[in-house]
């Protein structure tokens, strides 16, 4: 199945230098490493603010409010919906709600920080409607075989669950053309550097 997806056929994206802080949306198929790349950007590029989602579920051990999620009550989430303070939101596993707070993104932009939203494909489509000026980046695996290896190697799903996720991944890969740029996640460091360059920001600064 290696010939089903070849991310190398796309021309290298043009790097731009923004006149002001920008919003960049990062999406891609399951098991491609969106969270790993986003966390690396957060930890090594201080000019970038990684958007934090709001959720109605309870914190898990080790999770910090405002860092991993904004933990809110159901009535607070309802208020955010009513006041159009969510760029996108969804119910996950038919249980808890997750969403991207609009005012937090606007606060980061006003403070002069470019914003990175790490989100699923459906959320990215909602963000495009809410913020058409945002930049949309698709994170792709080096190859189909590598993505299968990453998913199976995690060991967190049954074979049946893995197969369902791979079928979903095929559909997600087909949406690549909806995005402004594609970044191939061959290594986390290189993918993060290319992503930040697309945001028009300086190189790795560390902390």
N, C-alpha and C. Protein backbone atom coordinates (compact mmCIF):
# COMPACT_ATOMS: atom_id res chain seq x y z
N UNK A 1 0.82 -1.21 0.00
CA UNK A 1 0.00 0.00 0.00
C UNK A 1 0.86 1.26 0.00
N UNK A 2 2.15 1.09 -0.20
CA UNK A 2 3.03 2.25 -0.10
C UNK A 2 2.80 3.26 -1.20
N UNK A 3 2.17 2.83 -2.32
CA UNK A 3 1.97 3.77 -3.42
C UNK A 3 0.66 4.52 -3.30
N UNK A 4 -0.07 4.34 -2.21
CA UNK A 4 -1.34 5.03 -2.05
C UNK A 4 -1.16 6.48 -1.65
N UNK A 5 -0.05 6.78 -1.03
CA UNK A 5 0.14 8.14 -0.52
C UNK A 5 1.59 8.51 -0.61
N UNK A 6 1.88 9.58 -1.33
CA UNK A 6 3.26 10.04 -1.49
C UNK A 6 3.31 11.52 -1.18
N UNK A 7 3.69 11.91 0.05
CA UNK A 7 3.69 13.33 0.41
C UNK A 7 4.77 14.12 -0.28
N UNK A 8 5.72 13.44 -0.92
CA UNK A 8 6.83 14.16 -1.54
C UNK A 8 6.47 14.80 -2.86
N UNK A 9 5.28 14.52 -3.39
CA UNK A 9 4.93 15.07 -4.70
C UNK A 9 4.58 16.55 -4.60
N UNK A 10 4.25 17.03 -3.42
CA UNK A 10 3.89 18.44 -3.27
C UNK A 10 5.12 19.32 -3.32
N UNK A 11 4.98 20.49 -3.94
CA UNK A 11 6.09 21.43 -4.00
C UNK A 11 6.33 22.03 -2.62
N UNK A 12 7.58 22.38 -2.29
CA UNK A 12 7.86 22.99 -0.98
C UNK A 12 7.03 24.25 -0.80
N UNK A 13 6.44 24.45 0.38
CA UNK A 13 5.61 25.64 0.60
C UNK A 13 6.46 26.90 0.68
N UNK A 14 5.89 28.02 0.27
CA UNK A 14 6.57 29.29 0.40
C UNK A 14 6.45 29.77 1.84
N UNK A 15 7.56 30.25 2.38
CA UNK A 15 7.57 30.77 3.73
C UNK A 15 7.25 32.25 3.68
N UNK A 16 6.35 32.70 4.55
CA UNK A 16 5.99 34.11 4.57
C UNK A 16 6.33 34.70 5.93
N UNK A 17 6.50 35.99 5.96
CA UNK A 17 6.77 36.69 7.21
C UNK A 17 5.55 37.55 7.53
N UNK A 18 4.78 37.21 8.56
CA UNK A 18 3.55 37.94 8.85
C UNK A 18 3.83 39.33 9.38
N UNK A 19 2.97 40.27 9.00
CA UNK A 19 3.10 41.63 9.52
C UNK A 19 2.59 41.71 10.95
N UNK A 20 1.79 40.74 11.35
CA UNK A 20 1.23 40.72 12.70
C UNK A 20 1.04 39.25 13.09
N UNK A 21 0.79 38.97 14.37
CA UNK A 21 0.59 37.58 14.79
C UNK A 21 -0.52 36.90 14.00
N UNK A 22 -0.35 35.63 13.74
CA UNK A 22 -1.28 34.88 12.91
C UNK A 22 -1.82 33.66 13.64
N UNK A 23 -2.87 33.08 13.07
CA UNK A 23 -3.44 31.83 13.56
C UNK A 23 -3.12 30.74 12.55
N UNK A 24 -2.54 29.65 13.02
CA UNK A 24 -2.24 28.50 12.17
C UNK A 24 -2.94 27.28 12.74
N UNK A 25 -3.64 26.56 11.88
CA UNK A 25 -4.37 25.36 12.27
C UNK A 25 -3.59 24.15 11.78
N UNK A 26 -3.27 23.22 12.68
CA UNK A 26 -2.56 22.00 12.33
C UNK A 26 -3.51 20.81 12.48
N UNK A 27 -3.69 20.08 11.39
CA UNK A 27 -4.55 18.90 11.42
C UNK A 27 -3.88 17.80 10.61
N UNK A 28 -4.42 16.60 10.69
CA UNK A 28 -3.86 15.48 9.96
C UNK A 28 -4.50 14.19 10.40
N UNK A 29 -4.09 13.08 9.81
CA UNK A 29 -4.72 11.80 10.11
C UNK A 29 -4.35 11.26 11.48
N UNK A 30 -5.06 10.25 11.90
CA UNK A 30 -4.79 9.60 13.18
C UNK A 30 -3.37 9.06 13.22
N UNK A 31 -2.75 9.14 14.38
CA UNK A 31 -1.41 8.58 14.63
C UNK A 31 -0.29 9.26 13.86
N UNK A 32 -0.55 10.44 13.30
CA UNK A 32 0.50 11.12 12.54
C UNK A 32 1.44 11.89 13.45
N UNK A 33 1.03 12.16 14.69
CA UNK A 33 1.90 12.85 15.63
C UNK A 33 1.60 14.32 15.83
N UNK A 34 0.34 14.72 15.64
CA UNK A 34 -0.02 16.14 15.80
C UNK A 34 0.29 16.64 17.20
N UNK A 35 -0.09 15.86 18.21
CA UNK A 35 0.13 16.28 19.57
C UNK A 35 1.60 16.39 19.92
N UNK A 36 2.40 15.45 19.43
CA UNK A 36 3.83 15.47 19.71
C UNK A 36 4.50 16.68 19.08
N UNK A 37 4.17 16.97 17.83
CA UNK A 37 4.75 18.13 17.15
C UNK A 37 4.30 19.42 17.82
N UNK A 38 3.02 19.52 18.16
CA UNK A 38 2.49 20.73 18.79
C UNK A 38 3.15 20.98 20.14
N UNK A 39 3.31 19.93 20.93
CA UNK A 39 3.95 20.08 22.24
C UNK A 39 5.41 20.51 22.08
N UNK A 40 6.09 19.98 21.08
CA UNK A 40 7.48 20.39 20.83
C UNK A 40 7.54 21.87 20.49
N UNK A 41 6.60 22.32 19.65
CA UNK A 41 6.56 23.75 19.31
C UNK A 41 6.33 24.59 20.55
N UNK A 42 5.39 24.18 21.38
CA UNK A 42 5.10 24.93 22.61
C UNK A 42 6.33 25.03 23.50
N UNK A 43 7.09 23.95 23.61
CA UNK A 43 8.22 23.91 24.53
C UNK A 43 9.48 24.58 24.00
N UNK A 44 9.60 24.73 22.68
CA UNK A 44 10.85 25.22 22.09
C UNK A 44 10.72 26.53 21.33
N UNK A 45 9.49 27.00 21.11
CA UNK A 45 9.28 28.24 20.37
C UNK A 45 8.38 29.17 21.18
N UNK A 46 8.96 29.98 22.06
CA UNK A 46 8.16 30.81 22.97
C UNK A 46 7.26 31.83 22.27
N UNK A 47 7.55 32.16 21.01
CA UNK A 47 6.70 33.13 20.30
C UNK A 47 5.35 32.54 19.93
N UNK A 48 5.20 31.22 20.04
CA UNK A 48 3.96 30.54 19.65
C UNK A 48 3.14 30.21 20.89
N UNK A 49 1.84 30.54 20.84
CA UNK A 49 0.92 30.12 21.90
C UNK A 49 0.11 28.95 21.38
N UNK A 50 0.24 27.79 22.03
CA UNK A 50 -0.52 26.61 21.65
C UNK A 50 -1.89 26.68 22.29
N UNK A 51 -2.91 26.75 21.46
CA UNK A 51 -4.28 26.89 21.95
C UNK A 51 -4.65 25.75 22.88
N UNK A 52 -5.38 26.08 23.93
CA UNK A 52 -5.82 25.11 24.92
C UNK A 52 -7.33 24.96 24.81
N UNK A 53 -7.80 23.73 24.67
CA UNK A 53 -9.23 23.48 24.52
C UNK A 53 -9.95 23.54 25.86
N UNK A 54 -11.22 23.88 25.80
CA UNK A 54 -12.10 23.77 26.96
C UNK A 54 -12.80 22.42 26.91
N UNK A 55 -13.03 21.82 28.07
CA UNK A 55 -13.71 20.54 28.11
C UNK A 55 -14.58 20.44 29.36
N UNK A 56 -15.64 19.65 29.24
CA UNK A 56 -16.54 19.44 30.37
C UNK A 56 -16.15 18.22 31.19
N UNK A 57 -15.15 17.47 30.77
CA UNK A 57 -14.75 16.31 31.56
C UNK A 57 -13.87 16.73 32.74
N UNK A 58 -13.76 15.84 33.71
CA UNK A 58 -12.94 16.12 34.89
C UNK A 58 -11.46 15.96 34.57
N UNK A 59 -10.60 16.69 35.28
CA UNK A 59 -9.15 16.55 35.05
C UNK A 59 -8.68 15.14 35.40
N UNK A 60 -7.72 14.65 34.62
CA UNK A 60 -7.07 13.38 34.93
C UNK A 60 -5.82 13.67 35.77
N UNK A 61 -5.30 12.66 36.45
CA UNK A 61 -4.11 12.88 37.28
C UNK A 61 -2.97 13.51 36.48
N UNK A 62 -2.43 14.59 37.02
CA UNK A 62 -1.31 15.26 36.36
C UNK A 62 -1.72 16.38 35.43
N UNK A 63 -3.00 16.47 35.08
CA UNK A 63 -3.45 17.53 34.18
C UNK A 63 -3.64 18.83 34.95
N UNK A 64 -3.23 19.93 34.32
CA UNK A 64 -3.28 21.25 34.95
C UNK A 64 -4.26 22.13 34.19
N UNK A 65 -5.19 22.75 34.92
CA UNK A 65 -6.15 23.66 34.29
C UNK A 65 -5.42 24.83 33.65
N UNK A 66 -5.76 25.10 32.38
CA UNK A 66 -5.13 26.19 31.66
C UNK A 66 -3.88 25.79 30.91
N UNK A 67 -3.35 24.60 31.20
CA UNK A 67 -2.17 24.09 30.49
C UNK A 67 -2.57 22.97 29.54
N UNK A 68 -3.21 21.95 30.09
CA UNK A 68 -3.66 20.83 29.26
C UNK A 68 -5.06 21.10 28.68
N UNK A 69 -5.95 21.60 29.51
CA UNK A 69 -7.30 21.98 29.11
C UNK A 69 -7.78 23.09 30.04
N UNK A 70 -8.85 23.77 29.61
CA UNK A 70 -9.63 24.59 30.52
C UNK A 70 -10.80 23.71 30.95
N UNK A 71 -10.85 23.34 32.22
CA UNK A 71 -11.90 22.46 32.72
C UNK A 71 -13.08 23.31 33.19
N UNK A 72 -14.23 23.12 32.54
CA UNK A 72 -15.39 23.96 32.81
C UNK A 72 -16.61 23.08 33.09
N UNK A 73 -17.58 23.66 33.78
CA UNK A 73 -18.85 22.98 34.03
C UNK A 73 -19.71 23.01 32.77
N UNK A 74 -20.72 22.17 32.75
CA UNK A 74 -21.61 22.13 31.59
C UNK A 74 -22.30 23.47 31.36
N UNK A 75 -22.71 24.15 32.44
CA UNK A 75 -23.40 25.42 32.25
C UNK A 75 -22.45 26.48 31.69
N UNK A 76 -21.18 26.41 32.06
CA UNK A 76 -20.20 27.34 31.52
C UNK A 76 -19.96 27.07 30.04
N UNK A 77 -19.92 25.80 29.67
CA UNK A 77 -19.76 25.45 28.26
C UNK A 77 -20.97 25.92 27.46
N UNK A 78 -22.16 25.75 28.03
CA UNK A 78 -23.38 26.25 27.38
C UNK A 78 -23.30 27.75 27.15
N UNK A 79 -22.81 28.47 28.16
CA UNK A 79 -22.68 29.93 28.02
C UNK A 79 -21.72 30.29 26.89
N UNK A 80 -20.61 29.56 26.78
CA UNK A 80 -19.64 29.83 25.72
C UNK A 80 -20.26 29.61 24.34
N UNK A 81 -21.10 28.59 24.23
CA UNK A 81 -21.79 28.36 22.96
C UNK A 81 -22.76 29.49 22.67
N UNK A 82 -23.57 29.86 23.66
CA UNK A 82 -24.57 30.91 23.48
C UNK A 82 -23.94 32.25 23.12
N UNK A 83 -22.76 32.53 23.67
CA UNK A 83 -22.10 33.81 23.43
C UNK A 83 -21.14 33.76 22.24
N UNK A 84 -21.19 32.68 21.47
CA UNK A 84 -20.33 32.52 20.29
C UNK A 84 -18.86 32.64 20.66
N UNK A 85 -18.50 32.07 21.81
CA UNK A 85 -17.12 32.14 22.28
C UNK A 85 -16.35 30.85 21.99
N UNK A 86 -16.89 30.00 21.12
CA UNK A 86 -16.17 28.80 20.72
C UNK A 86 -15.99 28.82 19.21
N UNK A 87 -14.74 28.75 18.77
CA UNK A 87 -14.48 28.71 17.33
C UNK A 87 -15.00 27.40 16.74
N UNK A 88 -14.97 26.35 17.53
CA UNK A 88 -15.52 25.05 17.15
C UNK A 88 -15.72 24.25 18.42
N UNK A 89 -16.64 23.29 18.37
CA UNK A 89 -16.82 22.40 19.51
C UNK A 89 -17.45 21.10 19.05
N UNK A 90 -17.29 20.05 19.85
CA UNK A 90 -17.83 18.75 19.48
C UNK A 90 -18.03 17.91 20.74
N UNK A 91 -18.91 16.92 20.62
CA UNK A 91 -19.09 15.92 21.67
C UNK A 91 -18.20 14.73 21.33
N UNK A 92 -17.38 14.30 22.28
CA UNK A 92 -16.43 13.22 22.04
C UNK A 92 -16.88 11.98 22.80
N UNK A 93 -16.94 10.86 22.08
CA UNK A 93 -17.34 9.57 22.66
C UNK A 93 -18.74 9.65 23.28
N UNK A 94 -19.58 10.53 22.74
CA UNK A 94 -20.96 10.68 23.23
C UNK A 94 -21.01 10.96 24.73
N UNK A 95 -19.99 11.64 25.23
CA UNK A 95 -19.92 11.83 26.67
C UNK A 95 -19.59 13.26 27.06
N UNK A 96 -18.42 13.73 26.69
CA UNK A 96 -17.96 15.06 27.11
C UNK A 96 -17.80 15.98 25.90
N UNK A 97 -17.88 17.28 26.17
CA UNK A 97 -17.73 18.27 25.11
C UNK A 97 -16.35 18.93 25.17
N UNK A 98 -15.83 19.21 23.98
CA UNK A 98 -14.55 19.89 23.84
C UNK A 98 -14.73 21.03 22.86
N UNK A 99 -14.02 22.14 23.06
CA UNK A 99 -14.12 23.26 22.14
C UNK A 99 -12.93 24.19 22.25
N UNK A 100 -12.78 25.07 21.26
CA UNK A 100 -11.68 26.04 21.22
C UNK A 100 -12.20 27.41 21.59
N UNK A 101 -11.83 27.95 22.76
CA UNK A 101 -12.33 29.26 23.20
C UNK A 101 -11.82 30.39 22.30
N UNK A 102 -12.75 31.15 21.75
CA UNK A 102 -12.40 32.25 20.87
C UNK A 102 -11.63 33.35 21.62
N UNK A 103 -12.09 33.68 22.84
CA UNK A 103 -11.48 34.82 23.53
C UNK A 103 -10.03 34.55 23.92
N UNK A 104 -9.68 33.29 24.18
CA UNK A 104 -8.30 32.98 24.51
C UNK A 104 -7.39 33.18 23.30
N UNK A 105 -7.88 32.80 22.13
CA UNK A 105 -7.11 33.02 20.90
C UNK A 105 -6.93 34.51 20.66
N UNK A 106 -8.01 35.27 20.82
CA UNK A 106 -7.94 36.72 20.60
C UNK A 106 -7.00 37.39 21.60
N UNK A 107 -6.99 36.91 22.85
CA UNK A 107 -6.09 37.48 23.86
C UNK A 107 -4.63 37.23 23.49
N UNK A 108 -4.33 36.03 23.01
CA UNK A 108 -2.95 35.72 22.62
C UNK A 108 -2.51 36.59 21.44
N UNK A 109 -3.39 36.76 20.46
CA UNK A 109 -3.06 37.60 19.31
C UNK A 109 -2.83 39.04 19.74
N UNK A 110 -3.69 39.53 20.65
CA UNK A 110 -3.55 40.91 21.13
C UNK A 110 -2.25 41.11 21.89
N UNK A 111 -1.74 40.03 22.49
CA UNK A 111 -0.48 40.10 23.23
C UNK A 111 0.73 39.94 22.31
N UNK A 112 0.48 39.80 21.02
CA UNK A 112 1.57 39.72 20.06
C UNK A 112 2.11 38.33 19.81
N UNK A 113 1.37 37.30 20.21
CA UNK A 113 1.83 35.93 20.02
C UNK A 113 1.03 35.25 18.92
N UNK A 114 1.73 34.57 18.01
CA UNK A 114 1.05 33.78 17.00
C UNK A 114 0.47 32.54 17.66
N UNK A 115 -0.66 32.07 17.12
CA UNK A 115 -1.43 31.00 17.75
C UNK A 115 -1.37 29.74 16.89
N UNK A 116 -1.16 28.60 17.54
CA UNK A 116 -1.21 27.31 16.87
C UNK A 116 -2.37 26.51 17.44
N UNK A 117 -3.27 26.06 16.57
CA UNK A 117 -4.39 25.21 16.98
C UNK A 117 -4.14 23.81 16.44
N UNK A 118 -4.02 22.84 17.35
CA UNK A 118 -3.86 21.43 16.96
C UNK A 118 -5.22 20.78 17.11
N UNK A 119 -5.77 20.29 15.98
CA UNK A 119 -7.19 19.97 15.99
C UNK A 119 -7.47 18.87 14.98
N UNK A 120 -8.66 18.24 15.08
CA UNK A 120 -8.99 17.21 14.12
C UNK A 120 -9.54 17.83 12.83
N UNK A 121 -9.77 16.98 11.84
CA UNK A 121 -10.16 17.47 10.52
C UNK A 121 -11.48 18.23 10.55
N UNK A 122 -12.47 17.69 11.26
CA UNK A 122 -13.77 18.36 11.31
C UNK A 122 -13.65 19.71 12.01
N UNK A 123 -12.86 19.75 13.07
CA UNK A 123 -12.63 21.02 13.76
C UNK A 123 -11.95 22.03 12.86
N UNK A 124 -10.99 21.56 12.06
CA UNK A 124 -10.30 22.47 11.13
C UNK A 124 -11.27 23.07 10.13
N UNK A 125 -12.21 22.28 9.67
CA UNK A 125 -13.21 22.80 8.72
C UNK A 125 -14.09 23.85 9.39
N UNK A 126 -14.42 23.64 10.65
CA UNK A 126 -15.21 24.64 11.37
C UNK A 126 -14.42 25.92 11.57
N UNK A 127 -13.13 25.79 11.90
CA UNK A 127 -12.28 26.96 12.08
C UNK A 127 -12.17 27.74 10.78
N UNK A 128 -12.10 27.06 9.65
CA UNK A 128 -12.00 27.76 8.36
C UNK A 128 -13.21 28.66 8.13
N UNK A 129 -14.37 28.21 8.56
CA UNK A 129 -15.57 29.04 8.42
C UNK A 129 -15.54 30.21 9.40
N UNK A 130 -15.04 29.97 10.61
CA UNK A 130 -15.03 31.02 11.63
C UNK A 130 -13.89 32.00 11.42
N UNK A 131 -12.74 31.52 10.93
CA UNK A 131 -11.55 32.36 10.75
C UNK A 131 -10.90 32.05 9.40
N UNK A 132 -11.51 32.49 8.30
CA UNK A 132 -10.97 32.16 6.98
C UNK A 132 -9.58 32.74 6.74
N UNK A 133 -9.18 33.72 7.56
CA UNK A 133 -7.85 34.31 7.39
C UNK A 133 -6.75 33.44 7.99
N UNK A 134 -7.10 32.41 8.73
CA UNK A 134 -6.10 31.54 9.35
C UNK A 134 -5.37 30.73 8.28
N UNK A 135 -4.20 30.24 8.64
CA UNK A 135 -3.40 29.38 7.77
C UNK A 135 -3.64 27.93 8.19
N UNK A 136 -3.83 27.05 7.20
CA UNK A 136 -4.17 25.66 7.49
C UNK A 136 -3.05 24.74 6.99
N UNK A 137 -2.49 23.97 7.92
CA UNK A 137 -1.35 23.10 7.62
C UNK A 137 -1.73 21.65 7.89
N UNK A 138 -1.47 20.80 6.92
CA UNK A 138 -1.76 19.37 7.03
C UNK A 138 -0.49 18.64 7.42
N UNK A 139 -0.51 17.91 8.52
CA UNK A 139 0.64 17.12 8.95
C UNK A 139 0.49 15.71 8.38
N UNK A 140 1.44 15.31 7.54
CA UNK A 140 1.35 14.04 6.84
C UNK A 140 2.44 13.08 7.32
N UNK A 141 2.18 11.78 7.24
CA UNK A 141 3.22 10.80 7.58
C UNK A 141 4.21 10.67 6.43
N UNK A 142 5.42 10.17 6.68
CA UNK A 142 6.37 9.97 5.58
C UNK A 142 5.85 8.99 4.54
N UNK A 143 5.06 8.02 4.98
CA UNK A 143 4.48 7.03 4.08
C UNK A 143 3.32 6.35 4.79
N UNK A 144 2.52 5.65 4.01
CA UNK A 144 1.41 4.90 4.61
C UNK A 144 1.95 3.81 5.55
N UNK A 145 2.97 3.10 5.13
CA UNK A 145 3.52 2.04 5.97
C UNK A 145 4.02 2.57 7.31
N UNK A 146 4.63 3.75 7.30
CA UNK A 146 5.13 4.33 8.53
C UNK A 146 3.97 4.69 9.46
N UNK A 147 2.88 5.19 8.91
CA UNK A 147 1.74 5.53 9.75
C UNK A 147 1.13 4.27 10.37
N UNK A 148 1.04 3.19 9.58
CA UNK A 148 0.54 1.93 10.12
C UNK A 148 1.46 1.46 11.25
N UNK A 149 2.76 1.58 11.04
CA UNK A 149 3.73 1.16 12.06
C UNK A 149 3.54 1.97 13.35
N UNK A 150 3.34 3.28 13.21
CA UNK A 150 3.16 4.12 14.39
C UNK A 150 1.89 3.76 15.15
N UNK A 151 0.81 3.53 14.42
CA UNK A 151 -0.46 3.21 15.07
C UNK A 151 -0.38 1.87 15.79
N UNK A 152 0.14 0.86 15.11
CA UNK A 152 0.23 -0.47 15.70
C UNK A 152 1.22 -0.47 16.86
N UNK A 153 2.30 0.30 16.71
CA UNK A 153 3.33 0.33 17.74
C UNK A 153 2.88 0.95 19.04
N UNK A 154 1.82 1.76 18.99
CA UNK A 154 1.35 2.37 20.23
C UNK A 154 0.77 1.34 21.19
N UNK A 155 0.19 0.27 20.64
CA UNK A 155 -0.33 -0.80 21.47
C UNK A 155 -1.50 -0.41 22.34
N UNK A 156 -2.23 0.63 21.95
CA UNK A 156 -3.34 1.11 22.78
C UNK A 156 -4.70 0.70 22.24
N UNK A 157 -4.75 0.07 21.07
CA UNK A 157 -6.02 -0.33 20.48
C UNK A 157 -6.00 -1.82 20.13
N UNK A 158 -7.18 -2.41 20.09
CA UNK A 158 -7.32 -3.78 19.61
C UNK A 158 -7.12 -3.79 18.10
N UNK A 159 -6.87 -4.96 17.50
CA UNK A 159 -6.75 -5.03 16.04
C UNK A 159 -7.97 -4.46 15.32
N UNK A 160 -9.16 -4.70 15.87
CA UNK A 160 -10.36 -4.16 15.24
C UNK A 160 -10.38 -2.63 15.30
N UNK A 161 -10.00 -2.07 16.45
CA UNK A 161 -9.93 -0.62 16.58
C UNK A 161 -8.87 -0.03 15.66
N UNK A 162 -7.74 -0.71 15.55
CA UNK A 162 -6.69 -0.25 14.65
C UNK A 162 -7.18 -0.19 13.21
N UNK A 163 -7.91 -1.22 12.80
CA UNK A 163 -8.41 -1.25 11.43
C UNK A 163 -9.38 -0.12 11.18
N UNK A 164 -10.26 0.16 12.15
CA UNK A 164 -11.20 1.27 11.99
C UNK A 164 -10.46 2.60 11.89
N UNK A 165 -9.42 2.78 12.70
CA UNK A 165 -8.67 4.03 12.66
C UNK A 165 -7.91 4.17 11.35
N UNK A 166 -7.43 3.07 10.80
CA UNK A 166 -6.73 3.14 9.52
C UNK A 166 -7.69 3.48 8.39
N UNK A 167 -8.91 2.95 8.46
CA UNK A 167 -9.91 3.31 7.45
C UNK A 167 -10.23 4.80 7.55
N UNK A 168 -10.34 5.31 8.79
CA UNK A 168 -10.57 6.74 8.97
C UNK A 168 -9.40 7.54 8.44
N UNK A 169 -8.19 7.04 8.67
CA UNK A 169 -6.99 7.75 8.22
C UNK A 169 -6.96 7.90 6.70
N UNK A 170 -7.45 6.90 5.99
CA UNK A 170 -7.50 7.00 4.52
C UNK A 170 -8.37 8.17 4.10
N UNK A 171 -9.51 8.33 4.76
CA UNK A 171 -10.40 9.45 4.45
C UNK A 171 -9.75 10.77 4.81
N UNK A 172 -9.04 10.79 5.95
CA UNK A 172 -8.39 12.02 6.38
C UNK A 172 -7.26 12.42 5.44
N UNK A 173 -6.51 11.44 4.94
CA UNK A 173 -5.44 11.74 3.99
C UNK A 173 -5.99 12.32 2.70
N UNK A 174 -7.19 11.91 2.33
CA UNK A 174 -7.80 12.42 1.10
C UNK A 174 -8.16 13.88 1.21
N UNK A 175 -8.20 14.42 2.43
CA UNK A 175 -8.56 15.83 2.64
C UNK A 175 -7.35 16.75 2.57
N UNK A 176 -6.18 16.22 2.25
CA UNK A 176 -4.96 17.01 2.24
C UNK A 176 -5.07 18.24 1.34
N UNK A 177 -5.78 18.10 0.22
CA UNK A 177 -5.88 19.20 -0.74
C UNK A 177 -6.67 20.39 -0.19
N UNK A 178 -7.39 20.21 0.92
CA UNK A 178 -8.14 21.31 1.51
C UNK A 178 -7.24 22.30 2.25
N UNK A 179 -5.99 21.93 2.46
CA UNK A 179 -5.09 22.72 3.30
C UNK A 179 -4.14 23.57 2.47
N UNK A 180 -3.64 24.63 3.11
CA UNK A 180 -2.75 25.56 2.42
C UNK A 180 -1.36 24.98 2.22
N UNK A 181 -0.90 24.20 3.18
CA UNK A 181 0.45 23.63 3.13
C UNK A 181 0.43 22.22 3.71
N UNK A 182 1.44 21.44 3.34
CA UNK A 182 1.65 20.11 3.91
C UNK A 182 3.03 20.04 4.53
N UNK A 183 3.10 19.54 5.75
CA UNK A 183 4.38 19.29 6.44
C UNK A 183 4.46 17.80 6.70
N UNK A 184 5.57 17.19 6.29
CA UNK A 184 5.76 15.75 6.49
C UNK A 184 6.45 15.52 7.83
N UNK A 185 5.84 14.70 8.67
CA UNK A 185 6.39 14.44 10.00
C UNK A 185 7.34 13.25 9.95
N UNK A 186 8.53 13.46 9.36
CA UNK A 186 9.54 12.41 9.37
C UNK A 186 10.30 12.41 10.69
N UNK A 187 10.63 13.60 11.19
CA UNK A 187 11.14 13.73 12.56
C UNK A 187 10.41 14.90 13.21
N UNK A 188 10.21 14.81 14.52
CA UNK A 188 9.46 15.85 15.22
C UNK A 188 10.17 17.20 15.10
N UNK A 189 11.48 17.21 15.30
CA UNK A 189 12.22 18.47 15.28
C UNK A 189 12.11 19.16 13.93
N UNK A 190 12.28 18.39 12.84
CA UNK A 190 12.23 19.01 11.52
C UNK A 190 10.82 19.47 11.18
N UNK A 191 9.80 18.66 11.51
CA UNK A 191 8.42 19.05 11.23
C UNK A 191 8.05 20.31 12.00
N UNK A 192 8.47 20.39 13.26
CA UNK A 192 8.19 21.58 14.07
C UNK A 192 8.87 22.81 13.48
N UNK A 193 10.12 22.66 13.05
CA UNK A 193 10.84 23.79 12.47
C UNK A 193 10.18 24.28 11.19
N UNK A 194 9.71 23.36 10.35
CA UNK A 194 9.04 23.76 9.12
C UNK A 194 7.71 24.44 9.42
N UNK A 195 6.99 23.92 10.40
CA UNK A 195 5.72 24.51 10.78
C UNK A 195 5.91 25.94 11.28
N UNK A 196 6.89 26.14 12.15
CA UNK A 196 7.13 27.47 12.69
C UNK A 196 7.62 28.42 11.60
N UNK A 197 8.41 27.91 10.65
CA UNK A 197 8.84 28.75 9.53
C UNK A 197 7.65 29.21 8.70
N UNK A 198 6.66 28.34 8.52
CA UNK A 198 5.45 28.72 7.81
C UNK A 198 4.69 29.81 8.55
N UNK A 199 4.84 29.84 9.86
CA UNK A 199 4.20 30.88 10.67
C UNK A 199 4.99 32.18 10.61
N UNK A 200 6.15 32.17 9.93
CA UNK A 200 6.93 33.38 9.79
C UNK A 200 7.66 33.78 11.04
N UNK A 201 8.01 32.80 11.88
CA UNK A 201 8.64 33.09 13.17
C UNK A 201 10.09 32.63 13.17
N UNK A 202 10.91 33.17 14.08
CA UNK A 202 12.33 32.78 14.14
C UNK A 202 12.50 31.34 14.57
N UNK A 203 13.73 30.83 14.42
CA UNK A 203 14.03 29.44 14.71
C UNK A 203 13.97 29.11 16.18
N UNK A 204 14.31 27.85 16.49
CA UNK A 204 14.19 27.33 17.85
C UNK A 204 14.97 28.18 18.83
N UNK A 205 14.29 28.53 19.94
CA UNK A 205 14.90 29.37 20.95
C UNK A 205 15.11 28.65 22.27
N UNK A 206 14.37 27.58 22.50
CA UNK A 206 14.53 26.83 23.74
C UNK A 206 14.01 27.60 24.94
N UNK A 207 14.08 26.93 26.10
CA UNK A 207 13.61 27.56 27.35
C UNK A 207 14.53 27.17 28.49
